[in-house]
């Protein structure tokens, strides 16, 4: 789920050839429901963990596109099961912190 608008999300999906639905949280309802934190602008720009992540992403060929409305919104990954049961949860601590893919896939298989 991203914080940008639908047009940006559609461009992102096309450029990155994403084979699954991408959701957009324009108004921040999902972020609020997950009680996801935001970072202050100074931390957003100067946190060494985020800078390192940005450098790694840039070296891997990823580029920053148009930002969404809530550029300081941290993300999270949730895997939900039957009845809305949370099977896995990872709330990002900084902008380059993301759920380990192996953990997410294991939660999906369980």
Protein backbone atom coordinates (compact mmCIF):
# COMPACT_ATOMS: atom_id res chain seq x y z
CA UNK A 1 0.00 0.00 0.00
CA UNK A 2 1.38 3.37 -0.89
CA UNK A 3 0.78 6.96 0.12
CA UNK A 4 0.69 8.43 -3.39
CA UNK A 5 -2.37 8.92 -5.57
CA UNK A 6 -3.93 6.34 -7.90
CA UNK A 7 -2.25 7.70 -11.05
CA UNK A 8 1.19 7.47 -9.43
CA UNK A 9 0.42 3.95 -8.17
CA UNK A 10 -0.67 2.87 -11.66
CA UNK A 11 2.60 4.20 -13.14
CA UNK A 12 4.59 2.45 -10.42
CA UNK A 13 2.82 -0.87 -11.04
CA UNK A 14 3.47 -0.57 -14.76
CA UNK A 15 7.15 0.46 -14.46
CA UNK A 16 7.99 -2.19 -11.87
CA UNK A 17 5.80 -4.85 -13.57
CA UNK A 18 4.05 -5.64 -10.29
CA UNK A 19 1.85 -8.74 -10.84
CA UNK A 20 -0.52 -8.15 -7.91
CA UNK A 21 -2.92 -5.43 -6.77
CA UNK A 22 -1.39 -2.34 -5.19
CA UNK A 23 -3.58 -0.40 -2.78
CA UNK A 24 -3.44 3.35 -2.19
CA UNK A 25 -4.11 4.97 1.18
CA UNK A 26 -4.71 8.54 -0.03
CA UNK A 27 -6.45 9.71 3.11
CA UNK A 28 -4.37 7.76 5.65
CA UNK A 29 -7.27 5.67 7.00
CA UNK A 30 -5.30 2.40 6.82
CA UNK A 31 -2.22 3.99 8.39
CA UNK A 32 -4.36 5.35 11.23
CA UNK A 33 -6.08 1.97 11.71
CA UNK A 34 -2.67 0.30 12.02
CA UNK A 35 -1.48 3.07 14.38
CA UNK A 36 1.54 3.53 12.12
CA UNK A 37 4.05 6.16 13.23
CA UNK A 38 5.34 9.10 11.26
CA UNK A 39 8.84 10.51 11.40
CA UNK A 40 9.73 14.17 11.73
CA UNK A 41 11.23 15.79 8.60
CA UNK A 42 14.75 15.98 10.08
CA UNK A 43 14.79 12.25 10.84
CA UNK A 44 13.25 11.54 7.46
CA UNK A 45 16.12 13.28 5.67
CA UNK A 46 19.08 12.58 7.94
CA UNK A 47 18.57 9.21 9.66
CA UNK A 48 21.68 7.21 8.66
CA UNK A 49 19.62 4.02 8.39
CA UNK A 50 17.33 5.66 5.86
CA UNK A 51 20.23 7.21 3.96
CA UNK A 52 21.92 3.81 3.75
CA UNK A 53 18.72 2.23 2.48
CA UNK A 54 18.32 4.98 -0.12
CA UNK A 55 21.89 4.43 -1.33
CA UNK A 56 21.38 0.66 -1.61
CA UNK A 57 18.12 1.15 -3.51
CA UNK A 58 19.73 3.68 -5.87
CA UNK A 59 22.64 1.32 -6.57
CA UNK A 60 20.12 -1.43 -7.34
CA UNK A 61 18.53 0.81 -9.98
CA UNK A 62 15.48 2.02 -8.03
CA UNK A 63 14.55 5.68 -8.30
CA UNK A 64 12.36 7.83 -6.11
CA UNK A 65 9.20 8.81 -7.92
CA UNK A 66 6.59 11.39 -7.10
CA UNK A 67 6.03 11.46 -3.34
CA UNK A 68 2.64 10.96 -1.80
CA UNK A 69 0.81 13.30 0.53
CA UNK A 70 2.34 11.79 3.66
CA UNK A 71 6.04 11.46 2.84
CA UNK A 72 6.91 11.06 6.51
CA UNK A 73 4.52 8.12 7.01
CA UNK A 74 6.30 4.94 8.02
CA UNK A 75 5.03 1.72 6.56
CA UNK A 76 4.17 -1.73 7.82
CA UNK A 77 3.48 -5.22 6.57
CA UNK A 78 0.55 -7.26 7.84
CA UNK A 79 -0.53 -10.75 6.88
CA UNK A 80 -4.15 -11.33 7.82
CA UNK A 81 -5.80 -14.69 8.17
CA UNK A 82 -9.36 -15.88 8.41
CA UNK A 83 -11.58 -13.79 10.64
CA UNK A 84 -9.17 -10.86 10.46
CA UNK A 85 -6.59 -12.67 12.60
CA UNK A 86 -3.17 -11.02 12.32
CA UNK A 87 -0.78 -13.78 11.31
CA UNK A 88 2.26 -11.51 10.88
CA UNK A 89 3.04 -7.88 11.66
CA UNK A 90 6.12 -5.75 10.99
CA UNK A 91 5.96 -1.99 11.65
CA UNK A 92 8.86 -0.12 10.05
CA UNK A 93 11.16 1.70 12.47
CA UNK A 94 12.67 3.94 9.76
CA UNK A 95 12.18 4.51 6.05
CA UNK A 96 14.56 1.73 4.96
CA UNK A 97 13.17 -0.83 7.41
CA UNK A 98 10.95 -3.39 5.71
CA UNK A 99 9.64 -6.79 6.62
CA UNK A 100 12.01 -9.62 5.68
CA UNK A 101 10.48 -11.32 2.64
CA UNK A 102 11.18 -14.80 4.01
CA UNK A 103 9.16 -13.96 7.15
CA UNK A 104 6.25 -12.67 5.11
CA UNK A 105 6.24 -15.71 2.84
CA UNK A 106 6.40 -18.04 5.86
CA UNK A 107 3.38 -16.29 7.37
CA UNK A 108 1.50 -16.65 4.08
CA UNK A 109 2.27 -20.38 3.94
CA UNK A 110 1.23 -21.01 7.57
